[in-house]
Amino acid sequence: MPGTGAAPTDTARVVVGVSGTLGSLTALRRAAEEARCRGAELWPVLAWEPPGGDLVSRHGPGTTVMVDTWQDLARQRMLTALTDVFGQAGPGLAMRALVARGAPGSALVEIADRESDVLVVGAGRRSLWHRACSRSVSRYCLSHAGCPVLAVPPSPLEAELAAAHRRNVLGLGLDTGCLEHEVFRLAQGRSDS
């Protein structure tokens, strides 16, 4: 893929899509585990497009000036994601992080272009609203990749955070009933011993 800076190697690779979302961080952690098990290099890929897409950016005034800024923001987002998952010590295995300009699905499929590669993607949100309103990178990869694709389900924490966010948006308070029940259950367990 032009502009990725990816040099071909014969080493086994685990390519993973990274966007900075909680789901992509879960996929990145799982991809690192997969790379360790396979003795492979970890290739985190953050694909980015200009706001409005490439077609809009070609015709918009001043967008060519902004390309370097958008590229730098993508690099920073990649570094933040890597630090969030691996800390300052890094993943503890060979890694080649890439920032690629293009649609995420097609960029990932183009980079994971060998049959021996494994492509890891987050399965994303499963609500009807999100499926109807947004393109699914994982579905694109599953239908277009020439290598095995591992779709990592969302972290259970992601569902809990989404539920808490919905309650906040709707102005509903925190449901403390389950907390009270758990405290009572723990207190009963201690008094029985």
Protein backbone atom coordinates (compact mmCIF):
# COMPACT_ATOMS: atom_id res chain seq x y z
CA MET A 1 0.00 0.00 0.00
CA PRO A 2 1.54 3.31 -0.95
CA GLY A 3 2.50 5.50 1.93
CA THR A 4 2.47 2.79 4.60
CA GLY A 5 6.23 2.42 4.73
CA ALA A 6 5.77 -1.33 5.01
CA ALA A 7 8.79 -3.26 3.83
CA PRO A 8 8.13 -6.89 2.88
CA THR A 9 9.46 -9.51 5.30
CA ASP A 10 9.26 -13.30 5.47
CA THR A 11 8.45 -13.25 9.18
CA ALA A 12 5.01 -14.40 10.32
CA ARG A 13 2.77 -11.42 11.03
CA VAL A 14 -0.26 -10.65 13.13
CA VAL A 15 -1.85 -7.48 11.72
CA VAL A 16 -4.32 -5.63 13.95
CA GLY A 17 -6.53 -2.62 13.35
CA VAL A 18 -6.10 0.14 15.93
CA SER A 19 -8.30 3.20 16.26
CA GLY A 20 -7.97 4.08 19.92
CA THR A 21 -11.45 2.86 20.88
CA LEU A 22 -11.88 0.45 23.78
CA GLY A 23 -12.75 -2.31 21.29
CA SER A 24 -9.60 -1.75 19.26
CA LEU A 25 -7.47 -1.73 22.43
CA THR A 26 -8.99 -5.09 23.36
CA ALA A 27 -8.15 -6.36 19.85
CA LEU A 28 -4.59 -5.01 20.15
CA ARG A 29 -4.04 -6.86 23.43
CA ARG A 30 -5.45 -10.07 21.91
CA ALA A 31 -3.28 -9.63 18.79
CA ALA A 32 -0.16 -9.36 20.96
CA GLU A 33 -1.10 -12.63 22.67
CA GLU A 34 -1.65 -14.24 19.27
CA ALA A 35 1.72 -12.96 17.99
CA ARG A 36 3.49 -14.37 21.06
CA CYS A 37 1.84 -17.79 20.59
CA ARG A 38 2.79 -17.88 16.90
CA GLY A 39 6.28 -16.39 17.29
CA ALA A 40 5.14 -13.65 14.89
CA GLU A 41 5.71 -9.92 14.51
CA LEU A 42 2.91 -7.67 15.73
CA TRP A 43 1.77 -5.13 13.10
CA PRO A 44 -0.65 -2.59 14.63
CA VAL A 45 -2.22 -0.48 11.85
CA LEU A 46 -4.07 2.79 12.30
CA ALA A 47 -5.80 3.77 9.07
CA TRP A 48 -7.04 7.32 8.70
CA GLU A 49 -8.91 9.40 6.17
CA PRO A 50 -9.29 13.16 5.95
CA PRO A 51 -12.55 14.47 7.42
CA GLY A 52 -15.23 13.90 4.80
CA GLY A 53 -13.08 11.33 2.98
CA ASP A 54 -10.44 11.55 0.27
CA LEU A 55 -12.83 12.77 -2.42
CA VAL A 56 -13.88 15.79 -0.35
CA SER A 57 -10.30 16.55 0.66
CA ARG A 58 -9.13 16.69 -2.96
CA HIS A 59 -11.63 19.40 -3.78
CA GLY A 60 -11.66 21.35 -0.53
CA PRO A 61 -9.64 24.55 -0.19
CA GLY A 62 -6.64 24.28 2.08
CA THR A 63 -6.98 20.58 2.75
CA THR A 64 -3.57 19.76 1.29
CA VAL A 65 -2.06 21.95 4.00
CA MET A 66 -3.94 19.95 6.66
CA VAL A 67 -2.78 16.51 5.48
CA ASP A 68 0.46 16.68 7.49
CA THR A 69 -1.50 17.72 10.58
CA TRP A 70 -3.97 14.85 10.18
CA GLN A 71 -1.08 12.41 9.66
CA ASP A 72 0.60 13.67 12.86
CA LEU A 73 -2.67 13.32 14.79
CA ALA A 74 -3.00 9.73 13.55
CA ARG A 75 0.57 8.95 14.66
CA GLN A 76 -0.14 10.44 18.07
CA ARG A 77 -3.33 8.39 18.38
CA MET A 78 -1.33 5.25 17.53
CA LEU A 79 1.33 6.04 20.16
CA THR A 80 -1.37 6.70 22.76
CA ALA A 81 -3.07 3.37 21.97
CA LEU A 82 0.22 1.47 22.20
CA THR A 83 1.07 3.13 25.52
CA ASP A 84 -2.44 2.50 26.88
CA VAL A 85 -2.16 -1.23 26.15
CA PHE A 86 1.55 -1.98 26.69
CA GLY A 87 2.77 0.88 28.89
CA GLN A 88 6.22 2.37 28.43
CA ALA A 89 7.87 -1.08 28.36
CA GLY A 90 6.23 -2.00 25.04
CA PRO A 91 4.70 -5.32 24.02
CA GLY A 92 7.78 -7.47 24.65
CA LEU A 93 7.88 -8.80 21.08
CA ALA A 94 8.88 -7.65 17.60
CA MET A 95 6.50 -4.95 16.43
CA ARG A 96 6.13 -2.71 13.37
CA ALA A 97 3.45 -0.06 13.87
CA LEU A 98 1.99 1.53 10.73
CA VAL A 99 -0.13 4.60 10.11
CA ALA A 100 -1.84 4.26 6.72
CA ARG A 101 -3.95 6.75 4.81
CA GLY A 102 -7.12 5.11 3.57
CA ALA A 103 -10.34 3.45 4.62
CA PRO A 104 -9.65 1.15 7.58
CA GLY A 105 -11.07 -2.06 6.08
CA SER A 106 -9.29 -1.83 2.75
CA ALA A 107 -6.04 -0.66 4.36
CA LEU A 108 -6.01 -3.64 6.73
CA VAL A 109 -6.79 -6.11 3.95
CA GLU A 110 -4.06 -4.65 1.72
CA ILE A 111 -1.45 -4.84 4.48
CA ALA A 112 -2.44 -8.35 5.64
CA ASP A 113 -1.86 -9.62 2.11
CA ARG A 114 -0.25 -13.01 2.76
CA GLU A 115 -2.06 -16.28 3.39
CA SER A 116 0.20 -16.83 6.42
CA ASP A 117 -0.85 -13.53 8.04
CA VAL A 118 -3.49 -13.33 10.73
CA LEU A 119 -5.67 -10.23 10.73
CA VAL A 120 -7.17 -9.23 14.10
CA VAL A 121 -10.08 -6.80 14.28
CA GLY A 122 -12.48 -5.70 16.98
CA ALA A 123 -15.97 -7.07 16.46
CA GLY A 124 -17.40 -3.65 17.30
CA ARG A 125 -20.77 -2.71 18.71
CA ARG A 126 -23.61 -5.03 17.91
CA SER A 127 -26.62 -2.73 18.21
CA LEU A 128 -28.94 -2.32 15.23
CA TRP A 129 -28.37 1.44 15.26
CA HIS A 130 -24.59 1.12 14.88
CA ARG A 131 -24.89 -1.56 12.20
CA ALA A 132 -27.29 0.58 10.19
CA CYS A 133 -25.39 3.85 10.51
CA SER A 134 -21.74 2.89 10.21
CA ARG A 135 -19.58 0.76 7.99
CA SER A 136 -18.24 -2.30 9.73
CA VAL A 137 -14.50 -2.70 9.40
CA SER A 138 -14.68 -6.23 10.79
CA ARG A 139 -17.33 -7.28 8.25
CA TYR A 140 -15.30 -5.78 5.42
CA CYS A 141 -12.19 -7.64 6.56
CA LEU A 142 -14.06 -10.93 7.02
CA SER A 143 -15.41 -10.78 3.47
CA HIS A 144 -12.31 -9.44 1.67
CA ALA A 145 -9.22 -10.75 3.49
CA GLY A 146 -7.09 -13.47 1.92
CA CYS A 147 -5.84 -14.61 5.33
CA PRO A 148 -7.50 -15.82 8.54
CA VAL A 149 -9.37 -13.07 10.41
CA LEU A 150 -9.82 -13.11 14.16
CA ALA A 151 -12.76 -10.92 15.24
CA VAL A 152 -12.37 -10.06 18.93
CA PRO A 153 -15.63 -9.45 20.82
CA PRO A 154 -15.98 -6.23 22.78
CA SER A 155 -14.69 -6.12 26.33
CA PRO A 156 -17.45 -6.65 28.94
CA LEU A 157 -16.31 -3.32 30.38
CA GLU A 158 -17.35 -1.63 27.12
CA ALA A 159 -20.98 -2.75 27.58
CA GLU A 160 -20.99 -1.56 31.19
CA LEU A 161 -19.56 1.84 30.22
CA ALA A 162 -22.11 2.20 27.40
CA ALA A 163 -24.95 1.42 29.82
CA ALA A 164 -23.65 3.96 32.33
CA HIS A 165 -23.34 6.56 29.56
CA ARG A 166 -26.94 5.93 28.43
CA ARG A 167 -28.16 6.34 32.01
CA ASN A 168 -26.26 9.64 32.32
CA VAL A 169 -27.59 10.95 29.00
CA LEU A 170 -31.15 10.11 30.03
CA GLY A 171 -30.62 11.75 33.43
CA LEU A 172 -31.13 8.50 35.33
CA GLY A 173 -29.23 7.88 38.54
CA LEU A 174 -26.85 5.07 39.27
CA ASP A 175 -28.67 1.81 40.02
CA THR A 176 -27.33 1.02 43.48
CA GLY A 177 -29.72 -1.88 44.09
CA CYS A 178 -27.26 -4.45 42.81
CA LEU A 179 -24.50 -2.88 44.91
CA GLU A 180 -26.64 -3.06 48.05
CA HIS A 181 -27.47 -6.71 47.28
CA GLU A 182 -23.76 -7.54 46.81
CA VAL A 183 -22.77 -5.79 50.06
CA PHE A 184 -25.53 -7.67 51.90
CA ARG A 185 -24.42 -10.99 50.36
CA LEU A 186 -20.80 -10.36 51.35
CA ALA A 187 -21.83 -9.38 54.87
CA GLN A 188 -23.87 -12.59 55.20
CA GLY A 189 -20.92 -14.63 54.01
CA ARG A 190 -18.64 -13.12 56.65
CA SER A 191 -21.09 -13.68 59.50
CA ASP A 192 -21.50 -17.35 58.52
CA SER A 193 -17.77 -18.05 58.88
